[in-house]
């Protein structure tokens, strides 16, 4: 998949994830969701830095730290999602609350996954062209 198309998918996924909050008329954000959103913010910052250095893609050593950081942030988001889902199932008072928040958390996690996909594509493209 070309980088431009992946970037469009990433932006669309971010919008979808945050639209869910509006769709479900959420009035307060769970601490777990805020933690995943913060990780997502860091992932997007790393994507920005990655593309900022992409003009000089033949110097892989400038790109590799960003790719590694995005991968680590994705892993952090996965761990946070698992903790959040577990906590949600233990603390929620209704099945609807569980369903709503699992959907929101899953959307945020998907966004982090898309960031990792972008990093993998950049990694493969650089390795193929150096």
C-alpha atoms as a PDB file:
ATOM      1  CA  UNK A   1       0.000   0.000   0.000  1.00  0.00           C
ATOM      2  CA  UNK A   2       1.493   3.405  -0.935  1.00  0.00           C
ATOM      3  CA  UNK A   3       2.459   5.741   1.911  1.00  0.00           C
ATOM      4  CA  UNK A   4      -0.079   8.396   0.922  1.00  0.00           C
ATOM      5  CA  UNK A   5      -2.917   5.885   1.083  1.00  0.00           C
ATOM      6  CA  UNK A   6      -1.701   4.586   4.463  1.00  0.00           C
ATOM      7  CA  UNK A   7      -1.533   8.123   5.812  1.00  0.00           C
ATOM      8  CA  UNK A   8      -5.107   8.776   4.675  1.00  0.00           C
ATOM      9  CA  UNK A   9      -6.207   5.557   6.388  1.00  0.00           C
ATOM     10  CA  UNK A  10      -4.403   6.636   9.565  1.00  0.00           C
ATOM     11  CA  UNK A  11      -6.150  10.019   9.616  1.00  0.00           C
ATOM     12  CA  UNK A  12      -9.507   8.369   8.910  1.00  0.00           C
ATOM     13  CA  UNK A  13      -9.006   5.839  11.719  1.00  0.00           C
ATOM     14  CA  UNK A  14      -8.155   8.620  14.177  1.00  0.00           C
ATOM     15  CA  UNK A  15     -11.307  10.492  13.232  1.00  0.00           C
ATOM     16  CA  UNK A  16     -13.418   7.341  13.555  1.00  0.00           C
ATOM     17  CA  UNK A  17     -12.010   6.589  16.995  1.00  0.00           C
ATOM     18  CA  UNK A  18     -12.819  10.019  18.330  1.00  0.00           C
ATOM     19  CA  UNK A  19     -16.211  10.097  16.574  1.00  0.00           C
ATOM     20  CA  UNK A  20     -17.191   7.105  18.695  1.00  0.00           C
ATOM     21  CA  UNK A  21     -16.901   9.253  21.804  1.00  0.00           C
ATOM     22  CA  UNK A  22     -19.406  11.681  20.317  1.00  0.00           C
ATOM     23  CA  UNK A  23     -21.609   8.903  18.945  1.00  0.00           C
ATOM     24  CA  UNK A  24     -21.993   7.292  22.356  1.00  0.00           C
ATOM     25  CA  UNK A  25     -22.481  10.678  24.044  1.00  0.00           C
ATOM     26  CA  UNK A  26     -19.674  10.027  26.491  1.00  0.00           C
ATOM     27  CA  UNK A  27     -19.629  12.684  29.207  1.00  0.00           C
ATOM     28  CA  UNK A  28     -16.397  11.687  30.927  1.00  0.00           C
ATOM     29  CA  UNK A  29     -13.272   9.941  29.681  1.00  0.00           C
ATOM     30  CA  UNK A  30     -12.002   6.911  31.529  1.00  0.00           C
ATOM     31  CA  UNK A  31      -8.428   7.168  32.715  1.00  0.00           C
ATOM     32  CA  UNK A  32      -7.529   4.093  30.637  1.00  0.00           C
ATOM     33  CA  UNK A  33      -8.870   5.668  27.451  1.00  0.00           C
ATOM     34  CA  UNK A  34      -6.911   8.835  28.184  1.00  0.00           C
ATOM     35  CA  UNK A  35      -3.741   6.768  28.596  1.00  0.00           C
ATOM     36  CA  UNK A  36      -4.222   5.048  25.235  1.00  0.00           C
ATOM     37  CA  UNK A  37      -5.058   8.404  23.624  1.00  0.00           C
ATOM     38  CA  UNK A  38      -1.826   9.832  25.044  1.00  0.00           C
ATOM     39  CA  UNK A  39       0.106   6.910  23.582  1.00  0.00           C
ATOM     40  CA  UNK A  40      -1.639   7.516  20.259  1.00  0.00           C
ATOM     41  CA  UNK A  41      -0.619  11.170  20.417  1.00  0.00           C
ATOM     42  CA  UNK A  42       2.999  10.091  20.894  1.00  0.00           C
ATOM     43  CA  UNK A  43       2.697   7.627  17.978  1.00  0.00           C
ATOM     44  CA  UNK A  44       1.419  10.385  15.704  1.00  0.00           C
ATOM     45  CA  UNK A  45       4.265  12.636  16.841  1.00  0.00           C
ATOM     46  CA  UNK A  46       6.745   9.926  15.922  1.00  0.00           C
ATOM     47  CA  UNK A  47       5.072   9.509  12.514  1.00  0.00           C
ATOM     48  CA  UNK A  48       5.470  13.261  11.999  1.00  0.00           C
ATOM     49  CA  UNK A  49       9.162  13.060  12.910  1.00  0.00           C
ATOM     50  CA  UNK A  50       9.599   9.982  10.721  1.00  0.00           C
ATOM     51  CA  UNK A  51       8.232  11.784   7.677  1.00  0.00           C
ATOM     52  CA  UNK A  52      10.248  14.875   8.609  1.00  0.00           C
ATOM     53  CA  UNK A  53      13.389  12.792   8.160  1.00  0.00           C
ATOM     54  CA  UNK A  54      12.133  10.742   5.225  1.00  0.00           C
ATOM     55  CA  UNK A  55      13.576  13.091   2.595  1.00  0.00           C
ATOM     56  CA  UNK A  56      16.958  11.622   3.453  1.00  0.00           C
ATOM     57  CA  UNK A  57      15.766   8.008   3.576  1.00  0.00           C
ATOM     58  CA  UNK A  58      19.132   6.613   2.512  1.00  0.00           C
ATOM     59  CA  UNK A  59      20.385   7.426   6.007  1.00  0.00           C
ATOM     60  CA  UNK A  60      18.404   4.718   7.736  1.00  0.00           C
ATOM     61  CA  UNK A  61      20.005   5.527  11.086  1.00  0.00           C
ATOM     62  CA  UNK A  62      17.900   8.723  11.199  1.00  0.00           C
ATOM     63  CA  UNK A  63      14.665   6.831  10.621  1.00  0.00           C
ATOM     64  CA  UNK A  64      15.267   3.680  12.668  1.00  0.00           C
ATOM     65  CA  UNK A  65      14.832   5.300  16.123  1.00  0.00           C
ATOM     66  CA  UNK A  66      11.393   6.585  15.116  1.00  0.00           C
ATOM     67  CA  UNK A  67      10.368   3.209  13.705  1.00  0.00           C
ATOM     68  CA  UNK A  68      11.518   1.473  16.887  1.00  0.00           C
ATOM     69  CA  UNK A  69       9.757   4.039  19.088  1.00  0.00           C
ATOM     70  CA  UNK A  70       6.475   3.613  17.176  1.00  0.00           C
ATOM     71  CA  UNK A  71       6.711  -0.154  17.595  1.00  0.00           C
ATOM     72  CA  UNK A  72       7.318   0.243  21.326  1.00  0.00           C
ATOM     73  CA  UNK A  73       4.436   2.687  21.677  1.00  0.00           C
ATOM     74  CA  UNK A  74       2.172   0.201  19.889  1.00  0.00           C
ATOM     75  CA  UNK A  75       3.185  -2.486  22.392  1.00  0.00           C
ATOM     76  CA  UNK A  76       2.490  -0.053  25.240  1.00  0.00           C
ATOM     77  CA  UNK A  77      -0.973   0.655  23.806  1.00  0.00           C
ATOM     78  CA  UNK A  78      -1.681  -3.082  23.571  1.00  0.00           C
ATOM     79  CA  UNK A  79      -0.736  -3.602  27.217  1.00  0.00           C
ATOM     80  CA  UNK A  80      -2.810  -0.614  28.249  1.00  0.00           C
ATOM     81  CA  UNK A  81      -5.788  -1.926  26.268  1.00  0.00           C
ATOM     82  CA  UNK A  82      -5.618  -5.310  27.984  1.00  0.00           C
ATOM     83  CA  UNK A  83      -5.419  -3.694  31.430  1.00  0.00           C
ATOM     84  CA  UNK A  84      -8.257  -1.313  30.527  1.00  0.00           C
ATOM     85  CA  UNK A  85     -10.515  -4.091  29.227  1.00  0.00           C
ATOM     86  CA  UNK A  86      -9.884  -6.161  32.325  1.00  0.00           C
ATOM     87  CA  UNK A  87     -10.562  -3.224  34.630  1.00  0.00           C
ATOM     88  CA  UNK A  88     -13.666  -2.278  32.660  1.00  0.00           C
ATOM     89  CA  UNK A  89     -15.140  -5.766  32.945  1.00  0.00           C
ATOM     90  CA  UNK A  90     -14.466  -5.775  36.680  1.00  0.00           C
ATOM     91  CA  UNK A  91     -15.817  -2.284  37.401  1.00  0.00           C
ATOM     92  CA  UNK A  92     -18.605  -1.673  34.873  1.00  0.00           C
ATOM     93  CA  UNK A  93     -22.149  -1.614  36.124  1.00  0.00           C
ATOM     94  CA  UNK A  94     -23.921  -2.496  32.867  1.00  0.00           C
ATOM     95  CA  UNK A  95     -23.298  -4.513  29.703  1.00  0.00           C
ATOM     96  CA  UNK A  96     -23.966  -1.391  27.637  1.00  0.00           C
ATOM     97  CA  UNK A  97     -21.179   0.452  29.438  1.00  0.00           C
ATOM     98  CA  UNK A  98     -18.795  -2.427  28.706  1.00  0.00           C
ATOM     99  CA  UNK A  99     -19.787  -2.507  25.033  1.00  0.00           C
ATOM    100  CA  UNK A 100     -19.422   1.245  24.566  1.00  0.00           C
ATOM    101  CA  UNK A 101     -16.053   1.503  26.241  1.00  0.00           C
ATOM    102  CA  UNK A 102     -14.618  -1.607  24.607  1.00  0.00           C
ATOM    103  CA  UNK A 103     -15.560  -0.122  21.236  1.00  0.00           C
ATOM    104  CA  UNK A 104     -13.889   3.186  22.091  1.00  0.00           C
ATOM    105  CA  UNK A 105     -10.782   1.519  23.504  1.00  0.00           C
ATOM    106  CA  UNK A 106     -10.558  -0.795  20.508  1.00  0.00           C
ATOM    107  CA  UNK A 107     -10.772   2.173  18.141  1.00  0.00           C
ATOM    108  CA  UNK A 108      -7.900   3.916  19.906  1.00  0.00           C
ATOM    109  CA  UNK A 109      -5.870   0.720  19.834  1.00  0.00           C
ATOM    110  CA  UNK A 110      -6.555   0.353  16.098  1.00  0.00           C
ATOM    111  CA  UNK A 111      -5.133   3.823  15.531  1.00  0.00           C
ATOM    112  CA  UNK A 112      -1.905   2.826  17.263  1.00  0.00           C
ATOM    113  CA  UNK A 113      -1.853  -0.277  15.091  1.00  0.00           C
ATOM    114  CA  UNK A 114      -2.157   1.886  11.968  1.00  0.00           C
ATOM    115  CA  UNK A 115       0.828   3.934  13.141  1.00  0.00           C
ATOM    116  CA  UNK A 116       2.815   0.735  13.456  1.00  0.00           C
ATOM    117  CA  UNK A 117       1.711  -0.237   9.938  1.00  0.00           C
ATOM    118  CA  UNK A 118       3.036   3.059   8.595  1.00  0.00           C
ATOM    119  CA  UNK A 119       6.342   2.477  10.369  1.00  0.00           C
ATOM    120  CA  UNK A 120       6.601  -1.030   8.928  1.00  0.00           C
ATOM    121  CA  UNK A 121       5.924   0.234   5.409  1.00  0.00           C
ATOM    122  CA  UNK A 122       8.579   2.935   5.754  1.00  0.00           C
ATOM    123  CA  UNK A 123      10.993   0.360   7.151  1.00  0.00           C
ATOM    124  CA  UNK A 124      10.381  -2.008   4.222  1.00  0.00           C
ATOM    125  CA  UNK A 125      10.584   0.782   1.642  1.00  0.00           C
ATOM    126  CA  UNK A 126      13.877   2.063   3.019  1.00  0.00           C
ATOM    127  CA  UNK A 127      15.408  -1.411   3.200  1.00  0.00           C
ATOM    128  CA  UNK A 128      14.288  -2.142  -0.348  1.00  0.00           C
ATOM    129  CA  UNK A 129      15.806   1.083  -1.698  1.00  0.00           C
ATOM    130  CA  UNK A 130      19.144   1.210   0.102  1.00  0.00           C
END
